[in-house]
Amino acid sequence: SGGGLVQAGESLRLSCTASGLTFDYAMGWFRQLPGKEREAVACVS
């Protein structure tokens, strides 16, 4: 959640929730730019 329209130079915060198991999860953000393949943005252990 948290996507939207912003002006260049401004800020935005995206949120993600993973649920369903008691284990902690490694999590990552990926993005797909127009006309391009999905690429890794960032990840956290």
All heavy atoms as atom14 arrays in JSON, in Angstrom:
{
  "sequence": "SGGGLVQAGESLRLSCTASGLTFDYAMGWFRQLPGKEREAVACVS",
  "atom14_mask": [
    [1, 1, 1, 1, 1, 1, 0, 0, 0, 0, 0, 0, 0, 0],
    [1, 1, 1, 1, 0, 0, 0, 0, 0, 0, 0, 0, 0, 0],
    [1, 1, 1, 1, 0, 0, 0, 0, 0, 0, 0, 0, 0, 0],
    [1, 1, 1, 1, 0, 0, 0, 0, 0, 0, 0, 0, 0, 0],
    [1, 1, 1, 1, 1, 1, 1, 1, 0, 0, 0, 0, 0, 0],
    [1, 1, 1, 1, 1, 1, 1, 0, 0, 0, 0, 0, 0, 0],
    [1, 1, 1, 1, 1, 1, 1, 1, 1, 0, 0, 0, 0, 0],
    [1, 1, 1, 1, 1, 0, 0, 0, 0, 0, 0, 0, 0, 0],
    [1, 1, 1, 1, 0, 0, 0, 0, 0, 0, 0, 0, 0, 0],
    [1, 1, 1, 1, 1, 1, 1, 1, 1, 0, 0, 0, 0, 0],
    [1, 1, 1, 1, 1, 1, 0, 0, 0, 0, 0, 0, 0, 0],
    [1, 1, 1, 1, 1, 1, 1, 1, 0, 0, 0, 0, 0, 0],
    [1, 1, 1, 1, 1, 1, 1, 1, 1, 1, 1, 0, 0, 0],
    [1, 1, 1, 1, 1, 1, 1, 1, 0, 0, 0, 0, 0, 0],
    [1, 1, 1, 1, 1, 1, 0, 0, 0, 0, 0, 0, 0, 0],
    [1, 1, 1, 1, 1, 1, 0, 0, 0, 0, 0, 0, 0, 0],
    [1, 1, 1, 1, 1, 1, 1, 0, 0, 0, 0, 0, 0, 0],
    [1, 1, 1, 1, 1, 0, 0, 0, 0, 0, 0, 0, 0, 0],
    [1, 1, 1, 1, 1, 1, 0, 0, 0, 0, 0, 0, 0, 0],
    [1, 1, 1, 1, 0, 0, 0, 0, 0, 0, 0, 0, 0, 0],
    [1, 1, 1, 1, 1, 1, 1, 1, 0, 0, 0, 0, 0, 0],
    [1, 1, 1, 1, 1, 1, 1, 0, 0, 0, 0, 0, 0, 0],
    [1, 1, 1, 1, 1, 1, 1, 1, 1, 1, 1, 0, 0, 0],
    [1, 1, 1, 1, 1, 1, 1, 1, 0, 0, 0, 0, 0, 0],
    [1, 1, 1, 1, 1, 1, 1, 1, 1, 1, 1, 1, 0, 0],
    [1, 1, 1, 1, 1, 0, 0, 0, 0, 0, 0, 0, 0, 0],
    [1, 1, 1, 1, 1, 1, 1, 1, 0, 0, 0, 0, 0, 0],
    [1, 1, 1, 1, 0, 0, 0, 0, 0, 0, 0, 0, 0, 0],
    [1, 1, 1, 1, 1, 1, 1, 1, 1, 1, 1, 1, 1, 1],
    [1, 1, 1, 1, 1, 1, 1, 1, 1, 1, 1, 0, 0, 0],
    [1, 1, 1, 1, 1, 1, 1, 1, 1, 1, 1, 0, 0, 0],
    [1, 1, 1, 1, 1, 1, 1, 1, 1, 0, 0, 0, 0, 0],
    [1, 1, 1, 1, 1, 1, 1, 1, 0, 0, 0, 0, 0, 0],
    [1, 1, 1, 1, 1, 1, 1, 0, 0, 0, 0, 0, 0, 0],
    [1, 1, 1, 1, 0, 0, 0, 0, 0, 0, 0, 0, 0, 0],
    [1, 1, 1, 1, 1, 1, 1, 1, 1, 0, 0, 0, 0, 0],
    [1, 1, 1, 1, 1, 1, 1, 1, 1, 0, 0, 0, 0, 0],
    [1, 1, 1, 1, 1, 1, 1, 1, 1, 1, 1, 0, 0, 0],
    [1, 1, 1, 1, 1, 1, 1, 1, 1, 0, 0, 0, 0, 0],
    [1, 1, 1, 1, 1, 0, 0, 0, 0, 0, 0, 0, 0, 0],
    [1, 1, 1, 1, 1, 1, 1, 0, 0, 0, 0, 0, 0, 0],
    [1, 1, 1, 1, 1, 0, 0, 0, 0, 0, 0, 0, 0, 0],
    [1, 1, 1, 1, 1, 1, 0, 0, 0, 0, 0, 0, 0, 0],
    [1, 1, 1, 1, 1, 1, 1, 0, 0, 0, 0, 0, 0, 0],
    [1, 1, 1, 1, 1, 1, 0, 0, 0, 0, 0, 0, 0, 0]
  ],
  "atom14_positions": [
    [[0.84, -1.18, 0.0], [0.0, 0.0, 0.0], [0.88, 1.24, 0.0], [2.08, 1.16, 0.27], [-0.94, 0.02, 1.2], [-0.21, 0.09, 2.41], [0.0, 0.0, 0.0], [0.0, 0.0, 0.0], [0.0, 0.0, 0.0], [0.0, 0.0, 0.0], [0.0, 0.0, 0.0], [0.0, 0.0, 0.0], [0.0, 0.0, 0.0], [0.0, 0.0, 0.0]],
    [[0.3, 2.39, -0.3], [1.0, 3.65, -0.21], [1.41, 4.28, -1.52], [1.95, 5.39, -1.52], [0.0, 0.0, 0.0], [0.0, 0.0, 0.0], [0.0, 0.0, 0.0], [0.0, 0.0, 0.0], [0.0, 0.0, 0.0], [0.0, 0.0, 0.0], [0.0, 0.0, 0.0], [0.0, 0.0, 0.0], [0.0, 0.0, 0.0], [0.0, 0.0, 0.0]],
    [[1.18, 3.6, -2.63], [1.52, 4.18, -3.92], [0.65, 5.37, -4.25], [-0.39, 5.6, -3.64], [0.0, 0.0, 0.0], [0.0, 0.0, 0.0], [0.0, 0.0, 0.0], [0.0, 0.0, 0.0], [0.0, 0.0, 0.0], [0.0, 0.0, 0.0], [0.0, 0.0, 0.0], [0.0, 0.0, 0.0], [0.0, 0.0, 0.0], [0.0, 0.0, 0.0]],
    [[1.08, 6.13, -5.25], [0.32, 7.29, -5.65], [1.11, 8.18, -6.59], [2.13, 7.78, -7.14], [0.0, 0.0, 0.0], [0.0, 0.0, 0.0], [0.0, 0.0, 0.0], [0.0, 0.0, 0.0], [0.0, 0.0, 0.0], [0.0, 0.0, 0.0], [0.0, 0.0, 0.0], [0.0, 0.0, 0.0], [0.0, 0.0, 0.0], [0.0, 0.0, 0.0]],
    [[0.61, 9.4, -6.76], [1.21, 10.39, -7.65], [1.96, 11.43, -6.84], [1.41, 12.0, -5.89], [0.12, 11.07, -8.48], [0.55, 12.22, -9.38], [1.49, 11.72, -10.47], [-0.67, 12.89, -9.99], [0.0, 0.0, 0.0], [0.0, 0.0, 0.0], [0.0, 0.0, 0.0], [0.0, 0.0, 0.0], [0.0, 0.0, 0.0], [0.0, 0.0, 0.0]],
    [[3.22, 11.65, -7.2], [4.04, 12.65, -6.52], [4.83, 13.45, -7.54], [5.07, 12.99, -8.66], [5.01, 12.02, -5.5], [4.25, 11.42, -4.32], [5.87, 10.95, -6.16], [0.0, 0.0, 0.0], [0.0, 0.0, 0.0], [0.0, 0.0, 0.0], [0.0, 0.0, 0.0], [0.0, 0.0, 0.0], [0.0, 0.0, 0.0], [0.0, 0.0, 0.0]],
    [[5.25, 14.64, -7.14], [6.1, 15.47, -7.97], [7.55, 15.06, -7.82], [7.97, 14.56, -6.77], [5.94, 16.94, -7.6], [4.57, 17.54, -7.87], [4.39, 17.95, -9.31], [5.33, 17.93, -10.1], [3.18, 18.33, -9.66], [0.0, 0.0, 0.0], [0.0, 0.0, 0.0], [0.0, 0.0, 0.0], [0.0, 0.0, 0.0], [0.0, 0.0, 0.0]],
    [[8.34, 15.26, -8.85], [9.77, 15.0, -8.78], [10.38, 15.77, -7.62], [10.06, 16.94, -7.4], [10.45, 15.37, -10.09], [0.0, 0.0, 0.0], [0.0, 0.0, 0.0], [0.0, 0.0, 0.0], [0.0, 0.0, 0.0], [0.0, 0.0, 0.0], [0.0, 0.0, 0.0], [0.0, 0.0, 0.0], [0.0, 0.0, 0.0], [0.0, 0.0, 0.0]],
    [[11.25, 15.1, -6.87], [11.9, 15.71, -5.73], [11.16, 15.51, -4.42], [11.73, 15.78, -3.36], [0.0, 0.0, 0.0], [0.0, 0.0, 0.0], [0.0, 0.0, 0.0], [0.0, 0.0, 0.0], [0.0, 0.0, 0.0], [0.0, 0.0, 0.0], [0.0, 0.0, 0.0], [0.0, 0.0, 0.0], [0.0, 0.0, 0.0], [0.0, 0.0, 0.0]],
    [[9.93, 15.06, -4.48], [9.15, 14.84, -3.27], [9.36, 13.43, -2.73], [10.2, 12.68, -3.23], [7.67, 15.12, -3.54], [7.39, 16.57, -3.89], [5.93, 16.85, -4.11], [5.15, 15.88, -4.26], [5.55, 18.03, -4.12], [0.0, 0.0, 0.0], [0.0, 0.0, 0.0], [0.0, 0.0, 0.0], [0.0, 0.0, 0.0], [0.0, 0.0, 0.0]],
    [[8.6, 13.07, -1.7], [8.78, 11.8, -1.0], [7.49, 11.01, -0.97], [6.39, 11.55, -1.06], [9.27, 12.04, 0.43], [10.54, 12.66, 0.45], [0.0, 0.0, 0.0], [0.0, 0.0, 0.0], [0.0, 0.0, 0.0], [0.0, 0.0, 0.0], [0.0, 0.0, 0.0], [0.0, 0.0, 0.0], [0.0, 0.0, 0.0], [0.0, 0.0, 0.0]],
    [[7.65, 9.7, -0.78], [6.54, 8.78, -0.7], [6.98, 7.59, 0.15], [8.15, 7.21, 0.13], [6.13, 8.3, -2.09], [4.81, 7.55, -2.26], [3.64, 8.51, -2.04], [4.75, 6.94, -3.65], [0.0, 0.0, 0.0], [0.0, 0.0, 0.0], [0.0, 0.0, 0.0], [0.0, 0.0, 0.0], [0.0, 0.0, 0.0], [0.0, 0.0, 0.0]],
    [[6.06, 7.02, 0.91], [6.37, 5.83, 1.69], [5.43, 4.69, 1.33], [4.21, 4.83, 1.39], [6.29, 6.1, 3.19], [6.83, 4.92, 4.02], [6.76, 5.16, 5.51], [5.41, 5.01, 6.03], [5.11, 4.84, 7.31], [6.09, 4.81, 8.21], [3.86, 4.73, 7.69], [0.0, 0.0, 0.0], [0.0, 0.0, 0.0], [0.0, 0.0, 0.0]],
    [[6.02, 3.56, 0.96], [5.27, 2.36, 0.67], [5.31, 1.42, 1.88], [6.31, 1.36, 2.59], [5.83, 1.63, -0.54], [6.01, 2.45, -1.83], [6.54, 1.56, -2.94], [4.69, 3.1, -2.23], [0.0, 0.0, 0.0], [0.0, 0.0, 0.0], [0.0, 0.0, 0.0], [0.0, 0.0, 0.0], [0.0, 0.0, 0.0], [0.0, 0.0, 0.0]],
    [[4.23, 0.69, 2.09], [4.15, -0.27, 3.18], [3.83, -1.65, 2.63], [3.17, -1.78, 1.6], [3.08, 0.14, 4.2], [3.36, 1.4, 4.75], [0.0, 0.0, 0.0], [0.0, 0.0, 0.0], [0.0, 0.0, 0.0], [0.0, 0.0, 0.0], [0.0, 0.0, 0.0], [0.0, 0.0, 0.0], [0.0, 0.0, 0.0], [0.0, 0.0, 0.0]],
    [[4.29, -2.68, 3.34], [4.01, -4.05, 2.96], [3.85, -4.88, 4.22], [4.64, -4.76, 5.16], [5.15, -4.61, 2.1], [4.99, -6.38, 1.73], [0.0, 0.0, 0.0], [0.0, 0.0, 0.0], [0.0, 0.0, 0.0], [0.0, 0.0, 0.0], [0.0, 0.0, 0.0], [0.0, 0.0, 0.0], [0.0, 0.0, 0.0], [0.0, 0.0, 0.0]],
    [[2.85, -5.74, 4.2], [2.61, -6.65, 5.32], [2.59, -8.08, 4.82], [1.92, -8.4, 3.84], [1.28, -6.33, 6.02], [1.31, -5.0, 6.53], [1.05, -7.29, 7.17], [0.0, 0.0, 0.0], [0.0, 0.0, 0.0], [0.0, 0.0, 0.0], [0.0, 0.0, 0.0], [0.0, 0.0, 0.0], [0.0, 0.0, 0.0], [0.0, 0.0, 0.0]],
    [[3.35, -8.95, 5.49], [3.33, -10.38, 5.23], [2.8, -11.07, 6.48], [3.32, -10.87, 7.57], [4.72, -10.9, 4.88], [0.0, 0.0, 0.0], [0.0, 0.0, 0.0], [0.0, 0.0, 0.0], [0.0, 0.0, 0.0], [0.0, 0.0, 0.0], [0.0, 0.0, 0.0], [0.0, 0.0, 0.0], [0.0, 0.0, 0.0], [0.0, 0.0, 0.0]],
    [[1.78, -11.89, 6.3], [1.16, -12.54, 7.44], [0.8, -13.99, 7.11], [0.76, -14.37, 5.94], [-0.1, -11.78, 7.87], [-1.05, -11.76, 6.82], [0.0, 0.0, 0.0], [0.0, 0.0, 0.0], [0.0, 0.0, 0.0], [0.0, 0.0, 0.0], [0.0, 0.0, 0.0], [0.0, 0.0, 0.0], [0.0, 0.0, 0.0], [0.0, 0.0, 0.0]],
    [[0.54, -14.78, 8.15], [0.09, -16.15, 7.95], [0.95, -17.21, 8.61], [0.48, -18.34, 8.78], [0.0, 0.0, 0.0], [0.0, 0.0, 0.0], [0.0, 0.0, 0.0], [0.0, 0.0, 0.0], [0.0, 0.0, 0.0], [0.0, 0.0, 0.0], [0.0, 0.0, 0.0], [0.0, 0.0, 0.0], [0.0, 0.0, 0.0], [0.0, 0.0, 0.0]],
    [[2.2, -16.88, 8.98], [3.1, -17.81, 9.64], [3.76, -17.12, 10.82], [3.86, -15.9, 10.86], [4.16, -18.35, 8.68], [3.68, -19.25, 7.54], [4.85, -19.59, 6.63], [3.04, -20.51, 8.08], [0.0, 0.0, 0.0], [0.0, 0.0, 0.0], [0.0, 0.0, 0.0], [0.0, 0.0, 0.0], [0.0, 0.0, 0.0], [0.0, 0.0, 0.0]],
    [[4.26, -17.92, 11.76], [4.92, -17.37, 12.93], [6.37, -16.99, 12.68], [6.94, -16.21, 13.43], [4.86, -18.35, 14.11], [5.47, -19.59, 13.73], [3.42, -18.62, 14.51], [0.0, 0.0, 0.0], [0.0, 0.0, 0.0], [0.0, 0.0, 0.0], [0.0, 0.0, 0.0], [0.0, 0.0, 0.0], [0.0, 0.0, 0.0], [0.0, 0.0, 0.0]],
    [[6.98, -17.54, 11.63], [8.37, -17.21, 11.3], [8.47, -15.79, 10.78], [7.55, -15.29, 10.12], [8.92, -18.17, 10.25], [9.09, -19.58, 10.71], [8.19, -20.55, 10.33], [10.15, -19.94, 11.52], [8.34, -21.86, 10.76], [10.32, -21.24, 11.95], [9.41, -22.21, 11.57], [0.0, 0.0, 0.0], [0.0, 0.0, 0.0], [0.0, 0.0, 0.0]],
    [[9.59, -15.14, 11.05], [9.9, -13.87, 10.41], [10.31, -14.12, 8.97], [10.79, -15.19, 8.62], [11.02, -13.14, 11.15], [10.57, -12.59, 12.49], [9.42, -12.13, 12.59], [11.38, -12.62, 13.43], [0.0, 0.0, 0.0], [0.0, 0.0, 0.0], [0.0, 0.0, 0.0], [0.0, 0.0, 0.0], [0.0, 0.0, 0.0], [0.0, 0.0, 0.0]],
    [[10.12, -13.11, 8.14], [10.39, -13.24, 6.72], [11.47, -12.28, 6.25], [11.51, -11.12, 6.69], [9.12, -12.97, 5.9], [7.96, -13.86, 6.22], [6.85, -13.36, 6.86], [7.99, -15.2, 5.87], [5.78, -14.18, 7.15], [6.92, -16.03, 6.16], [5.82, -15.51, 6.81], [4.75, -16.33, 7.09], [0.0, 0.0, 0.0], [0.0, 0.0, 0.0]],
    [[12.33, -12.76, 5.36], [13.11, -11.85, 4.56], [12.16, -11.2, 3.56], [11.28, -11.88, 3.01], [14.23, -12.59, 3.83], [0.0, 0.0, 0.0], [0.0, 0.0, 0.0], [0.0, 0.0, 0.0], [0.0, 0.0, 0.0], [0.0, 0.0, 0.0], [0.0, 0.0, 0.0], [0.0, 0.0, 0.0], [0.0, 0.0, 0.0], [0.0, 0.0, 0.0]],
    [[12.31, -9.92, 3.33], [11.37, -9.22, 2.46], [12.13, -8.32, 1.49], [13.21, -7.83, 1.79], [10.39, -8.39, 3.29], [9.62, -9.22, 4.3], [8.49, -8.27, 5.35], [7.15, -7.97, 4.19], [0.0, 0.0, 0.0], [0.0, 0.0, 0.0], [0.0, 0.0, 0.0], [0.0, 0.0, 0.0], [0.0, 0.0, 0.0], [0.0, 0.0, 0.0]],
    [[11.52, -8.12, 0.33], [12.16, -7.31, -0.69], [11.16, -6.49, -1.48], [9.98, -6.84, -1.58], [0.0, 0.0, 0.0], [0.0, 0.0, 0.0], [0.0, 0.0, 0.0], [0.0, 0.0, 0.0], [0.0, 0.0, 0.0], [0.0, 0.0, 0.0], [0.0, 0.0, 0.0], [0.0, 0.0, 0.0], [0.0, 0.0, 0.0], [0.0, 0.0, 0.0]],
    [[11.64, -5.38, -2.02], [10.87, -4.55, -2.94], [11.44, -4.72, -4.34], [12.66, -4.65, -4.54], [10.92, -3.08, -2.55], [10.11, -2.72, -1.35], [10.57, -2.49, -0.09], [8.7, -2.51, -1.31], [9.53, -2.18, 0.74], [8.37, -2.17, 0.02], [7.69, -2.58, -2.26], [7.06, -1.91, 0.41], [6.38, -2.32, -1.87], [6.08, -1.99, -0.55]],
    [[10.56, -4.94, -5.28], [10.9, -5.01, -6.69], [10.01, -4.02, -7.44], [8.97, -3.61, -6.94], [10.7, -6.43, -7.23], [11.56, -7.46, -6.57], [11.21, -7.99, -5.33], [12.73, -7.9, -7.16], [12.01, -8.93, -4.7], [13.54, -8.85, -6.54], [13.18, -9.36, -5.31], [0.0, 0.0, 0.0], [0.0, 0.0, 0.0], [0.0, 0.0, 0.0]],
    [[10.43, -3.64, -8.61], [9.6, -2.74, -9.4], [9.69, -3.11, -10.88], [10.69, -3.67, -11.34], [9.99, -1.28, -9.2], [11.35, -0.88, -9.76], [11.67, 0.56, -9.41], [12.93, 0.99, -9.98], [13.5, 2.17, -9.76], [12.9, 3.05, -8.96], [14.65, 2.48, -10.33], [0.0, 0.0, 0.0], [0.0, 0.0, 0.0], [0.0, 0.0, 0.0]],
    [[8.64, -2.77, -11.6], [8.59, -2.97, -13.02], [8.35, -1.61, -13.67], [7.27, -1.04, -13.55], [7.5, -3.96, -13.42], [7.53, -4.33, -14.89], [6.63, -5.52, -15.2], [5.78, -5.89, -14.39], [6.82, -6.1, -16.36], [0.0, 0.0, 0.0], [0.0, 0.0, 0.0], [0.0, 0.0, 0.0], [0.0, 0.0, 0.0], [0.0, 0.0, 0.0]],
    [[9.37, -1.1, -14.34], [9.26, 0.17, -15.02], [8.63, -0.05, -16.39], [8.7, -1.15, -16.94], [10.64, 0.82, -15.17], [11.45, 0.96, -13.88], [12.78, 1.63, -14.15], [10.66, 1.76, -12.84], [0.0, 0.0, 0.0], [0.0, 0.0, 0.0], [0.0, 0.0, 0.0], [0.0, 0.0, 0.0], [0.0, 0.0, 0.0], [0.0, 0.0, 0.0]],
    [[8.0, 0.99, -16.96], [7.33, 0.83, -18.26], [8.27, 0.27, -19.32], [9.37, 0.81, -19.54], [6.89, 2.25, -18.6], [6.72, 2.92, -17.27], [7.82, 2.34, -16.41], [0.0, 0.0, 0.0], [0.0, 0.0, 0.0], [0.0, 0.0, 0.0], [0.0, 0.0, 0.0], [0.0, 0.0, 0.0], [0.0, 0.0, 0.0], [0.0, 0.0, 0.0]],
    [[7.85, -0.8, -19.95], [8.62, -1.41, -21.02], [9.84, -2.19, -20.58], [10.63, -2.61, -21.43], [0.0, 0.0, 0.0], [0.0, 0.0, 0.0], [0.0, 0.0, 0.0], [0.0, 0.0, 0.0], [0.0, 0.0, 0.0], [0.0, 0.0, 0.0], [0.0, 0.0, 0.0], [0.0, 0.0, 0.0], [0.0, 0.0, 0.0], [0.0, 0.0, 0.0]],
    [[10.0, -2.41, -19.28], [11.17, -3.11, -18.78], [10.78, -4.3, -17.91], [9.65, -4.41, -17.45], [12.07, -2.16, -17.98], [12.64, -1.01, -18.8], [13.57, -0.15, -17.98], [14.17, 0.97, -18.8], [15.09, 1.8, -18.0], [0.0, 0.0, 0.0], [0.0, 0.0, 0.0], [0.0, 0.0, 0.0], [0.0, 0.0, 0.0], [0.0, 0.0, 0.0]],
    [[11.75, -5.18, -17.68], [11.54, -6.33, -16.82], [11.57, -5.92, -15.36], [12.11, -4.88, -14.99], [12.59, -7.4, -17.09], [12.56, -7.98, -18.5], [11.3, -8.76, -18.75], [10.85, -9.5, -17.85], [10.74, -8.64, -19.86], [0.0, 0.0, 0.0], [0.0, 0.0, 0.0], [0.0, 0.0, 0.0], [0.0, 0.0, 0.0], [0.0, 0.0, 0.0]],
    [[10.98, -6.76, -14.53], [10.99, -6.52, -13.1], [12.43, -6.5, -12.58], [13.25, -7.33, -12.96], [10.18, -7.59, -12.39], [10.02, -7.4, -10.9], [9.21, -8.52, -10.29], [7.86, -8.55, -10.82], [6.95, -9.48, -10.51], [7.26, -10.46, -9.67], [5.74, -9.43, -11.04], [0.0, 0.0, 0.0], [0.0, 0.0, 0.0], [0.0, 0.0, 0.0]],
    [[12.73, -5.56, -11.7], [14.06, -5.42, -11.15], [14.01, -5.26, -9.64], [13.04, -4.78, -9.07], [14.78, -4.22, -11.77], [14.13, -2.89, -11.45], [14.82, -1.72, -12.13], [15.47, -1.93, -13.16], [14.7, -0.58, -11.61], [0.0, 0.0, 0.0], [0.0, 0.0, 0.0], [0.0, 0.0, 0.0], [0.0, 0.0, 0.0], [0.0, 0.0, 0.0]],
    [[15.1, -5.68, -8.99], [15.2, -5.54, -7.55], [15.45, -4.09, -7.17], [16.25, -3.4, -7.81], [16.31, -6.43, -7.01], [0.0, 0.0, 0.0], [0.0, 0.0, 0.0], [0.0, 0.0, 0.0], [0.0, 0.0, 0.0], [0.0, 0.0, 0.0], [0.0, 0.0, 0.0], [0.0, 0.0, 0.0], [0.0, 0.0, 0.0], [0.0, 0.0, 0.0]],
    [[14.78, -3.63, -6.14], [14.96, -2.27, -5.63], [15.73, -2.29, -4.32], [16.72, -1.58, -4.16], [13.6, -1.58, -5.43], [13.78, -0.19, -4.82], [12.85, -1.48, -6.75], [0.0, 0.0, 0.0], [0.0, 0.0, 0.0], [0.0, 0.0, 0.0], [0.0, 0.0, 0.0], [0.0, 0.0, 0.0], [0.0, 0.0, 0.0], [0.0, 0.0, 0.0]],
    [[15.27, -3.1, -3.37], [15.89, -3.19, -2.05], [15.38, -4.43, -1.35], [14.32, -4.95, -1.69], [15.59, -1.94, -1.21], [0.0, 0.0, 0.0], [0.0, 0.0, 0.0], [0.0, 0.0, 0.0], [0.0, 0.0, 0.0], [0.0, 0.0, 0.0], [0.0, 0.0, 0.0], [0.0, 0.0, 0.0], [0.0, 0.0, 0.0], [0.0, 0.0, 0.0]],
    [[16.13, -4.91, -0.37], [15.66, -6.02, 0.43], [16.18, -5.88, 1.84], [17.16, -5.16, 2.09], [16.05, -7.38, -0.17], [17.78, -7.87, 0.04], [0.0, 0.0, 0.0], [0.0, 0.0, 0.0], [0.0, 0.0, 0.0], [0.0, 0.0, 0.0], [0.0, 0.0, 0.0], [0.0, 0.0, 0.0], [0.0, 0.0, 0.0], [0.0, 0.0, 0.0]],
    [[15.53, -6.58, 2.76], [15.92, -6.56, 4.16], [15.84, -7.98, 4.7], [14.9, -8.73, 4.39], [15.04, -5.59, 4.98], [13.56, -5.96, 4.86], [15.47, -5.56, 6.44], [0.0, 0.0, 0.0], [0.0, 0.0, 0.0], [0.0, 0.0, 0.0], [0.0, 0.0, 0.0], [0.0, 0.0, 0.0], [0.0, 0.0, 0.0], [0.0, 0.0, 0.0]],
    [[16.84, -8.38, 5.5], [16.87, -9.72, 6.06], [15.75, -9.93, 7.07], [15.12, -8.97, 7.53], [18.22, -9.97, 6.74], [18.4, -9.1, 7.85], [0.0, 0.0, 0.0], [0.0, 0.0, 0.0], [0.0, 0.0, 0.0], [0.0, 0.0, 0.0], [0.0, 0.0, 0.0], [0.0, 0.0, 0.0], [0.0, 0.0, 0.0], [0.0, 0.0, 0.0]]
  ]
}
